[in-house]
PDB file of all heavy atoms in Angstrom:
ATOM      1  N   LYS A   1     -12.042  -5.811 -22.943  1.00  0.00           N
ATOM      2  CA  LYS A   1     -12.357  -4.348 -23.087  1.00  0.00           C
ATOM      3  C   LYS A   1     -12.203  -3.892 -24.496  1.00  0.00           C
ATOM      4  O   LYS A   1     -12.959  -3.176 -25.099  1.00  0.00           O
ATOM      5  CB  LYS A   1     -11.685  -3.499 -21.995  1.00  0.00           C
ATOM      6  CG  LYS A   1     -11.835  -1.990 -22.161  1.00  0.00           C
ATOM      7  CD  LYS A   1     -13.161  -1.585 -21.507  1.00  0.00           C
ATOM      8  CE  LYS A   1     -13.316  -0.078 -21.405  1.00  0.00           C
ATOM      9  NZ  LYS A   1     -14.596   0.413 -20.930  1.00  0.00           N
ATOM     10  N   VAL A   2     -11.060  -4.241 -25.070  1.00  0.00           N
ATOM     11  CA  VAL A   2     -10.816  -3.839 -26.422  1.00  0.00           C
ATOM     12  C   VAL A   2     -11.645  -4.493 -27.500  1.00  0.00           C
ATOM     13  O   VAL A   2     -12.174  -3.716 -28.431  1.00  0.00           O
ATOM     14  CB  VAL A   2      -9.244  -4.084 -26.687  1.00  0.00           C
ATOM     15  CG1 VAL A   2      -8.868  -3.768 -28.191  1.00  0.00           C
ATOM     16  CG2 VAL A   2      -8.300  -3.380 -25.724  1.00  0.00           C
ATOM     17  N   ALA A   3     -11.960  -5.689 -27.283  1.00  0.00           N
ATOM     18  CA  ALA A   3     -12.813  -6.511 -28.139  1.00  0.00           C
ATOM     19  C   ALA A   3     -14.263  -5.789 -28.209  1.00  0.00           C
ATOM     20  O   ALA A   3     -14.843  -5.701 -29.188  1.00  0.00           O
ATOM     21  CB  ALA A   3     -12.912  -7.820 -27.831  1.00  0.00           C
ATOM     22  N   ALA A   4     -14.701  -5.383 -26.957  1.00  0.00           N
ATOM     23  CA  ALA A   4     -16.111  -4.774 -26.920  1.00  0.00           C
ATOM     24  C   ALA A   4     -16.137  -3.538 -27.515  1.00  0.00           C
ATOM     25  O   ALA A   4     -17.102  -3.051 -28.055  1.00  0.00           O
ATOM     26  CB  ALA A   4     -16.324  -4.609 -25.357  1.00  0.00           C
ATOM     27  N   ALA A   5     -14.966  -2.830 -27.792  1.00  0.00           N
ATOM     28  CA  ALA A   5     -14.993  -1.600 -28.564  1.00  0.00           C
ATOM     29  C   ALA A   5     -14.826  -1.788 -30.035  1.00  0.00           C
ATOM     30  O   ALA A   5     -14.885  -0.817 -30.750  1.00  0.00           O
ATOM     31  CB  ALA A   5     -13.881  -0.671 -28.109  1.00  0.00           C
ATOM     32  N   GLY A   6     -14.715  -3.004 -30.517  1.00  0.00           N
ATOM     33  CA  GLY A   6     -14.465  -3.336 -31.858  1.00  0.00           C
ATOM     34  C   GLY A   6     -13.217  -2.922 -32.514  1.00  0.00           C
ATOM     35  O   GLY A   6     -13.055  -2.691 -33.565  1.00  0.00           O
ATOM     36  N   VAL A   7     -12.094  -2.955 -31.606  1.00  0.00           N
ATOM     37  CA  VAL A   7     -10.787  -2.571 -32.032  1.00  0.00           C
ATOM     38  C   VAL A   7      -9.801  -3.822 -31.941  1.00  0.00           C
ATOM     39  O   VAL A   7     -10.105  -4.640 -31.169  1.00  0.00           O
ATOM     40  CB  VAL A   7     -10.226  -1.409 -31.093  1.00  0.00           C
ATOM     41  CG1 VAL A   7      -8.814  -1.124 -31.384  1.00  0.00           C
ATOM     42  CG2 VAL A   7     -11.103  -0.217 -31.249  1.00  0.00           C
ATOM     43  N   GLY A   8      -8.954  -3.866 -32.949  1.00  0.00           N
ATOM     44  CA  GLY A   8      -8.051  -4.938 -32.981  1.00  0.00           C
ATOM     45  C   GLY A   8      -7.172  -4.896 -31.752  1.00  0.00           C
ATOM     46  O   GLY A   8      -6.870  -3.888 -31.180  1.00  0.00           O
ATOM     47  N   PHE A   9      -6.697  -6.075 -31.330  1.00  0.00           N
ATOM     48  CA  PHE A   9      -5.991  -6.222 -30.021  1.00  0.00           C
ATOM     49  C   PHE A   9      -4.660  -7.017 -30.379  1.00  0.00           C
ATOM     50  O   PHE A   9      -4.653  -8.096 -31.045  1.00  0.00           O
ATOM     51  CB  PHE A   9      -6.697  -6.900 -29.003  1.00  0.00           C
ATOM     52  CG  PHE A   9      -5.964  -7.099 -27.655  1.00  0.00           C
ATOM     53  CD1 PHE A   9      -5.580  -6.026 -26.938  1.00  0.00           C
ATOM     54  CD2 PHE A   9      -5.724  -8.398 -27.259  1.00  0.00           C
ATOM     55  CE1 PHE A   9      -4.934  -6.200 -25.759  1.00  0.00           C
ATOM     56  CE2 PHE A   9      -5.042  -8.543 -26.070  1.00  0.00           C
ATOM     57  CZ  PHE A   9      -4.588  -7.504 -25.287  1.00  0.00           C
ATOM     58  N   ALA A  10      -3.563  -6.583 -29.927  1.00  0.00           N
ATOM     59  CA  ALA A  10      -2.226  -7.336 -30.046  1.00  0.00           C
ATOM     60  C   ALA A  10      -1.896  -7.521 -28.534  1.00  0.00           C
ATOM     61  O   ALA A  10      -1.687  -6.727 -27.670  1.00  0.00           O
ATOM     62  CB  ALA A  10      -1.186  -6.427 -30.776  1.00  0.00           C
ATOM     63  N   ASP A  11      -1.873  -8.794 -28.283  1.00  0.00           N
ATOM     64  CA  ASP A  11      -1.622  -9.361 -26.907  1.00  0.00           C
ATOM     65  C   ASP A  11      -0.100  -9.315 -26.566  1.00  0.00           C
ATOM     66  O   ASP A  11       0.621 -10.084 -27.253  1.00  0.00           O
ATOM     67  CB  ASP A  11      -2.086 -10.687 -26.723  1.00  0.00           C
ATOM     68  CG  ASP A  11      -2.216 -11.066 -25.197  1.00  0.00           C
ATOM     69  OD1 ASP A  11      -1.431 -10.575 -24.398  1.00  0.00           O
ATOM     70  OD2 ASP A  11      -3.015 -11.978 -24.889  1.00  0.00           O
ATOM     71  N   LEU A  12       0.233  -8.396 -25.625  1.00  0.00           N
ATOM     72  CA  LEU A  12       1.719  -8.383 -25.295  1.00  0.00           C
ATOM     73  C   LEU A  12       2.083  -9.151 -24.028  1.00  0.00           C
ATOM     74  O   LEU A  12       3.102  -9.114 -23.551  1.00  0.00           O
ATOM     75  CB  LEU A  12       1.988  -6.837 -24.990  1.00  0.00           C
ATOM     76  CG  LEU A  12       1.872  -5.800 -26.127  1.00  0.00           C
ATOM     77  CD1 LEU A  12       2.223  -4.432 -25.639  1.00  0.00           C
ATOM     78  CD2 LEU A  12       2.739  -6.290 -27.349  1.00  0.00           C
ATOM     79  N   GLY A  13       1.166 -10.065 -23.735  1.00  0.00           N
ATOM     80  CA  GLY A  13       1.398 -10.898 -22.508  1.00  0.00           C
ATOM     81  C   GLY A  13       0.914 -10.261 -21.179  1.00  0.00           C
ATOM     82  O   GLY A  13       0.335  -9.259 -21.175  1.00  0.00           O
ATOM     83  N   PRO A  14       1.386 -10.917 -20.148  1.00  0.00           N
ATOM     84  CA  PRO A  14       0.889 -10.347 -18.797  1.00  0.00           C
ATOM     85  C   PRO A  14       1.477  -9.025 -18.449  1.00  0.00           C
ATOM     86  O   PRO A  14       2.492  -8.696 -18.831  1.00  0.00           O
ATOM     87  CB  PRO A  14       1.285 -11.445 -17.888  1.00  0.00           C
ATOM     88  CG  PRO A  14       2.380 -12.092 -18.498  1.00  0.00           C
ATOM     89  CD  PRO A  14       2.218 -11.979 -19.940  1.00  0.00           C
ATOM     90  N   ALA A  15       0.729  -8.332 -17.521  1.00  0.00           N
ATOM     91  CA  ALA A  15       1.214  -7.077 -17.041  1.00  0.00           C
ATOM     92  C   ALA A  15       2.492  -7.333 -16.160  1.00  0.00           C
ATOM     93  O   ALA A  15       2.602  -8.490 -15.592  1.00  0.00           O
ATOM     94  CB  ALA A  15       0.258  -6.301 -16.255  1.00  0.00           C
ATOM     95  N   PRO A  16       3.340  -6.320 -15.953  1.00  0.00           N
ATOM     96  CA  PRO A  16       4.388  -6.558 -14.867  1.00  0.00           C
ATOM     97  C   PRO A  16       3.885  -7.132 -13.702  1.00  0.00           C
ATOM     98  O   PRO A  16       2.792  -6.770 -13.187  1.00  0.00           O
ATOM     99  CB  PRO A  16       5.103  -5.192 -14.783  1.00  0.00           C
ATOM    100  CG  PRO A  16       4.719  -4.561 -16.159  1.00  0.00           C
ATOM    101  CD  PRO A  16       3.308  -4.967 -16.538  1.00  0.00           C
ATOM    102  N   ALA A  17       4.653  -7.891 -12.873  1.00  0.00           N
ATOM    103  CA  ALA A  17       4.364  -8.543 -11.692  1.00  0.00           C
ATOM    104  C   ALA A  17       3.847  -7.426 -10.685  1.00  0.00           C
ATOM    105  O   ALA A  17       4.491  -6.464 -10.491  1.00  0.00           O
ATOM    106  CB  ALA A  17       5.351  -9.290 -11.047  1.00  0.00           C
ATOM    107  N   GLY A  18       2.705  -7.680 -10.127  1.00  0.00           N
ATOM    108  CA  GLY A  18       2.028  -6.799  -9.109  1.00  0.00           C
ATOM    109  C   GLY A  18       1.285  -5.701  -9.739  1.00  0.00           C
ATOM    110  O   GLY A  18       0.619  -4.848  -8.940  1.00  0.00           O
ATOM    111  N   PHE A  19       1.045  -5.681 -11.000  1.00  0.00           N
ATOM    112  CA  PHE A  19       0.416  -4.528 -11.655  1.00  0.00           C
ATOM    113  C   PHE A  19      -0.685  -5.075 -12.637  1.00  0.00           C
ATOM    114  O   PHE A  19      -0.775  -4.519 -13.687  1.00  0.00           O
ATOM    115  CB  PHE A  19       1.378  -3.553 -12.380  1.00  0.00           C
ATOM    116  CG  PHE A  19       2.333  -2.946 -11.457  1.00  0.00           C
ATOM    117  CD1 PHE A  19       3.767  -3.218 -11.562  1.00  0.00           C
ATOM    118  CD2 PHE A  19       1.912  -2.171 -10.486  1.00  0.00           C
ATOM    119  CE1 PHE A  19       4.553  -2.538 -10.696  1.00  0.00           C
ATOM    120  CE2 PHE A  19       2.888  -1.432  -9.535  1.00  0.00           C
ATOM    121  CZ  PHE A  19       4.174  -1.715  -9.625  1.00  0.00           C
ATOM    122  N   SER A  20      -1.447  -5.973 -12.226  1.00  0.00           N
ATOM    123  CA  SER A  20      -2.655  -6.442 -13.023  1.00  0.00           C
ATOM    124  C   SER A  20      -3.587  -5.304 -12.941  1.00  0.00           C
ATOM    125  O   SER A  20      -3.547  -4.392 -12.152  1.00  0.00           O
ATOM    126  CB  SER A  20      -3.251  -7.700 -12.560  1.00  0.00           C
ATOM    127  OG  SER A  20      -3.754  -7.458 -11.194  1.00  0.00           O
ATOM    128  N   LEU A  21      -4.546  -5.451 -13.810  1.00  0.00           N
ATOM    129  CA  LEU A  21      -5.625  -4.404 -13.860  1.00  0.00           C
ATOM    130  C   LEU A  21      -6.307  -4.230 -12.542  1.00  0.00           C
ATOM    131  O   LEU A  21      -6.521  -3.064 -12.187  1.00  0.00           O
ATOM    132  CB  LEU A  21      -6.657  -4.814 -15.055  1.00  0.00           C
ATOM    133  CG  LEU A  21      -7.645  -3.713 -15.325  1.00  0.00           C
ATOM    134  CD1 LEU A  21      -7.049  -2.330 -15.769  1.00  0.00           C
ATOM    135  CD2 LEU A  21      -8.647  -4.259 -16.533  1.00  0.00           C
ATOM    136  N   ALA A  22      -6.690  -5.274 -11.908  1.00  0.00           N
ATOM    137  CA  ALA A  22      -7.360  -5.144 -10.618  1.00  0.00           C
ATOM    138  C   ALA A  22      -6.441  -4.587  -9.633  1.00  0.00           C
ATOM    139  O   ALA A  22      -6.858  -3.687  -8.725  1.00  0.00           O
ATOM    140  CB  ALA A  22      -7.788  -6.553 -10.192  1.00  0.00           C
ATOM    141  N   GLU A  23      -5.115  -4.877  -9.665  1.00  0.00           N
ATOM    142  CA  GLU A  23      -4.206  -4.389  -8.651  1.00  0.00           C
ATOM    143  C   GLU A  23      -4.001  -2.823  -8.886  1.00  0.00           C
ATOM    144  O   GLU A  23      -3.833  -2.215  -7.958  1.00  0.00           O
ATOM    145  CB  GLU A  23      -2.881  -5.139  -8.744  1.00  0.00           C
ATOM    146  CG  GLU A  23      -2.910  -6.530  -8.199  1.00  0.00           C
ATOM    147  CD  GLU A  23      -1.741  -7.387  -8.495  1.00  0.00           C
ATOM    148  OE1 GLU A  23      -1.184  -7.286  -9.623  1.00  0.00           O
ATOM    149  OE2 GLU A  23      -1.326  -8.167  -7.683  1.00  0.00           O
ATOM    150  N   ARG A  24      -4.018  -2.466 -10.158  1.00  0.00           N
ATOM    151  CA  ARG A  24      -3.710  -1.049 -10.529  1.00  0.00           C
ATOM    152  C   ARG A  24      -4.913  -0.225  -9.867  1.00  0.00           C
ATOM    153  O   ARG A  24      -4.777   0.876  -9.289  1.00  0.00           O
ATOM    154  CB  ARG A  24      -3.764  -0.880 -12.013  1.00  0.00           C
ATOM    155  CG  ARG A  24      -2.529  -1.320 -12.657  1.00  0.00           C
ATOM    156  CD  ARG A  24      -2.726  -1.358 -14.222  1.00  0.00           C
ATOM    157  NE  ARG A  24      -1.703  -2.101 -14.890  1.00  0.00           N
ATOM    158  CZ  ARG A  24      -0.570  -1.520 -15.370  1.00  0.00           C
ATOM    159  NH1 ARG A  24      -0.426  -0.253 -15.314  1.00  0.00           N
ATOM    160  NH2 ARG A  24       0.337  -2.343 -15.873  1.00  0.00           N
ATOM    161  N   GLN A  25      -6.170  -0.787 -10.249  1.00  0.00           N
ATOM    162  CA  GLN A  25      -7.310   0.041  -9.713  1.00  0.00           C
ATOM    163  C   GLN A  25      -7.291   0.040  -8.265  1.00  0.00           C
ATOM    164  O   GLN A  25      -7.737   1.246  -7.737  1.00  0.00           O
ATOM    165  CB  GLN A  25      -8.514  -0.695 -10.271  1.00  0.00           C
ATOM    166  CG  GLN A  25      -8.737  -0.503 -11.764  1.00  0.00           C
ATOM    167  CD  GLN A  25      -9.848  -1.360 -12.367  1.00  0.00           C
ATOM    168  OE1 GLN A  25     -10.315  -2.446 -11.776  1.00  0.00           O
ATOM    169  NE2 GLN A  25     -10.375  -0.889 -13.409  1.00  0.00           N
ATOM    170  N   ALA A  26      -6.992  -0.942  -7.528  1.00  0.00           N
ATOM    171  CA  ALA A  26      -7.013  -0.840  -5.993  1.00  0.00           C
ATOM    172  C   ALA A  26      -5.921   0.068  -5.604  1.00  0.00           C
ATOM    173  O   ALA A  26      -6.118   0.865  -4.693  1.00  0.00           O
ATOM    174  CB  ALA A  26      -6.735  -2.268  -5.513  1.00  0.00           C
ATOM    175  N   MET A  27      -4.769   0.030  -6.154  1.00  0.00           N
ATOM    176  CA  MET A  27      -3.692   0.904  -5.766  1.00  0.00           C
ATOM    177  C   MET A  27      -4.109   2.438  -6.097  1.00  0.00           C
ATOM    178  O   MET A  27      -3.892   3.373  -5.196  1.00  0.00           O
ATOM    179  CB  MET A  27      -2.436   0.687  -6.476  1.00  0.00           C
ATOM    180  CG  MET A  27      -1.361   1.540  -6.281  1.00  0.00           C
ATOM    181  SD  MET A  27       0.197   1.123  -7.186  1.00  0.00           S
ATOM    182  CE  MET A  27      -0.413   1.347  -8.948  1.00  0.00           C
ATOM    183  N   LEU A  28      -4.558   2.800  -7.223  1.00  0.00           N
ATOM    184  CA  LEU A  28      -4.742   4.106  -7.692  1.00  0.00           C
ATOM    185  C   LEU A  28      -5.877   4.805  -6.866  1.00  0.00           C
ATOM    186  O   LEU A  28      -5.938   6.031  -6.732  1.00  0.00           O
ATOM    187  CB  LEU A  28      -5.058   4.204  -9.194  1.00  0.00           C
ATOM    188  CG  LEU A  28      -3.849   3.787 -10.135  1.00  0.00           C
ATOM    189  CD1 LEU A  28      -4.349   3.676 -11.553  1.00  0.00           C
ATOM    190  CD2 LEU A  28      -2.767   4.911  -9.992  1.00  0.00           C
ATOM    191  N   SER A  29      -6.875   4.100  -6.332  1.00  0.00           N
ATOM    192  CA  SER A  29      -7.908   4.552  -5.575  1.00  0.00           C
ATOM    193  C   SER A  29      -7.404   5.213  -4.260  1.00  0.00           C
ATOM    194  O   SER A  29      -8.059   5.950  -3.588  1.00  0.00           O
ATOM    195  CB  SER A  29      -8.986   3.488  -5.268  1.00  0.00           C
ATOM    196  OG  SER A  29      -8.494   2.502  -4.343  1.00  0.00           O
ATOM    197  N   GLY A  30      -6.273   4.715  -3.866  1.00  0.00           N
ATOM    198  CA  GLY A  30      -5.566   5.299  -2.704  1.00  0.00           C
ATOM    199  C   GLY A  30      -4.585   6.420  -2.930  1.00  0.00           C
ATOM    200  O   GLY A  30      -3.783   6.735  -2.103  1.00  0.00           O
ATOM    201  N   ALA A  31      -4.655   6.896  -4.175  1.00  0.00           N
ATOM    202  CA  ALA A  31      -3.647   7.944  -4.497  1.00  0.00           C
ATOM    203  C   ALA A  31      -3.728   9.130  -3.591  1.00  0.00           C
ATOM    204  O   ALA A  31      -4.774   9.542  -3.142  1.00  0.00           O
ATOM    205  CB  ALA A  31      -3.949   8.436  -5.955  1.00  0.00           C
ATOM    206  N   GLY A  32      -2.678   9.809  -3.322  1.00  0.00           N
ATOM    207  CA  GLY A  32      -2.573  10.978  -2.409  1.00  0.00           C
ATOM    208  C   GLY A  32      -1.634  10.721  -1.261  1.00  0.00           C
ATOM    209  O   GLY A  32      -0.977  11.543  -0.757  1.00  0.00           O
ATOM    210  N   SER A  33      -1.447   9.473  -0.914  1.00  0.00           N
ATOM    211  CA  SER A  33      -0.418   9.239   0.176  1.00  0.00           C
ATOM    212  C   SER A  33       0.934   9.055  -0.450  1.00  0.00           C
ATOM    213  O   SER A  33       1.054   8.498  -1.570  1.00  0.00           O
ATOM    214  CB  SER A  33      -0.803   7.901   0.928  1.00  0.00           C
ATOM    215  OG  SER A  33      -0.510   6.772   0.243  1.00  0.00           O
ATOM    216  N   PRO A  34       2.100   9.439   0.297  1.00  0.00           N
ATOM    217  CA  PRO A  34       3.409   9.248  -0.253  1.00  0.00           C
ATOM    218  C   PRO A  34       3.764   7.862  -0.581  1.00  0.00           C
ATOM    219  O   PRO A  34       4.382   7.531  -1.697  1.00  0.00           O
ATOM    220  CB  PRO A  34       4.268   9.769   0.944  1.00  0.00           C
ATOM    221  CG  PRO A  34       3.382  10.690   1.619  1.00  0.00           C
ATOM    222  CD  PRO A  34       2.064  10.185   1.595  1.00  0.00           C
ATOM    223  N   LEU A  35       3.313   6.844   0.228  1.00  0.00           N
ATOM    224  CA  LEU A  35       3.604   5.516  -0.117  1.00  0.00           C
ATOM    225  C   LEU A  35       2.935   4.986  -1.461  1.00  0.00           C
ATOM    226  O   LEU A  35       3.553   4.219  -2.198  1.00  0.00           O
ATOM    227  CB  LEU A  35       3.048   4.564   1.035  1.00  0.00           C
ATOM    228  CG  LEU A  35       3.443   3.053   0.950  1.00  0.00           C
ATOM    229  CD1 LEU A  35       4.921   2.977   1.018  1.00  0.00           C
ATOM    230  CD2 LEU A  35       2.788   2.202   2.191  1.00  0.00           C
ATOM    231  N   THR A  36       1.708   5.391  -1.599  1.00  0.00           N
ATOM    232  CA  THR A  36       0.930   4.940  -2.809  1.00  0.00           C
ATOM    233  C   THR A  36       1.618   5.668  -4.048  1.00  0.00           C
ATOM    234  O   THR A  36       1.761   4.996  -5.099  1.00  0.00           O
ATOM    235  CB  THR A  36      -0.443   5.426  -2.711  1.00  0.00           C
ATOM    236  OG1 THR A  36      -1.121   4.699  -1.591  1.00  0.00           O
ATOM    237  CG2 THR A  36      -1.201   5.002  -4.040  1.00  0.00           C
ATOM    238  N   MET A  37       2.048   6.945  -3.961  1.00  0.00           N
ATOM    239  CA  MET A  37       2.719   7.690  -5.066  1.00  0.00           C
ATOM    240  C   MET A  37       3.972   6.894  -5.351  1.00  0.00           C
ATOM    241  O   MET A  37       4.298   6.864  -6.600  1.00  0.00           O
ATOM    242  CB  MET A  37       2.946   9.123  -4.646  1.00  0.00           C
ATOM    243  CG  MET A  37       1.771   9.908  -4.584  1.00  0.00           C
ATOM    244  SD  MET A  37       0.658   9.825  -6.027  1.00  0.00           S
ATOM    245  CE  MET A  37       1.743  10.293  -7.280  1.00  0.00           C
ATOM    246  N   ARG A  38       4.701   6.405  -4.431  1.00  0.00           N
ATOM    247  CA  ARG A  38       5.994   5.614  -4.728  1.00  0.00           C
ATOM    248  C   ARG A  38       5.677   4.450  -5.560  1.00  0.00           C
ATOM    249  O   ARG A  38       6.339   4.102  -6.630  1.00  0.00           O
ATOM    250  CB  ARG A  38       6.684   5.253  -3.472  1.00  0.00           C
ATOM    251  CG  ARG A  38       7.430   6.410  -2.795  1.00  0.00           C
ATOM    252  CD  ARG A  38       8.165   5.840  -1.543  1.00  0.00           C
ATOM    253  NE  ARG A  38       9.262   4.988  -1.958  1.00  0.00           N
ATOM    254  CZ  ARG A  38       9.888   4.259  -1.020  1.00  0.00           C
ATOM    255  NH1 ARG A  38       9.785   4.471   0.208  1.00  0.00           N
ATOM    256  NH2 ARG A  38      10.897   3.326  -1.388  1.00  0.00           N
ATOM    257  N   ARG A  39       4.572   3.758  -5.190  1.00  0.00           N
ATOM    258  CA  ARG A  39       4.213   2.522  -5.887  1.00  0.00           C
ATOM    259  C   ARG A  39       3.708   2.935  -7.351  1.00  0.00           C
ATOM    260  O   ARG A  39       3.902   2.146  -8.270  1.00  0.00           O
ATOM    261  CB  ARG A  39       3.146   1.851  -5.177  1.00  0.00           C
ATOM    262  CG  ARG A  39       2.645   0.477  -5.810  1.00  0.00           C
ATOM    263  CD  ARG A  39       2.324  -0.550  -4.805  1.00  0.00           C
ATOM    264  NE  ARG A  39       1.873  -1.691  -5.407  1.00  0.00           N
ATOM    265  CZ  ARG A  39       2.645  -2.664  -5.901  1.00  0.00           C
ATOM    266  NH1 ARG A  39       3.888  -2.467  -6.154  1.00  0.00           N
ATOM    267  NH2 ARG A  39       2.015  -3.788  -6.443  1.00  0.00           N
TER     268      ARG A  39
END
């Protein structure tokens, strides 16, 4: 995504366990419930 924008990228390694980009998007789409907000 960063490369497509023509911006320099510094790779900080993998996201914290359980919070990859795909996992974030799936989780945030369920925002509103107390359990999701805790996560």
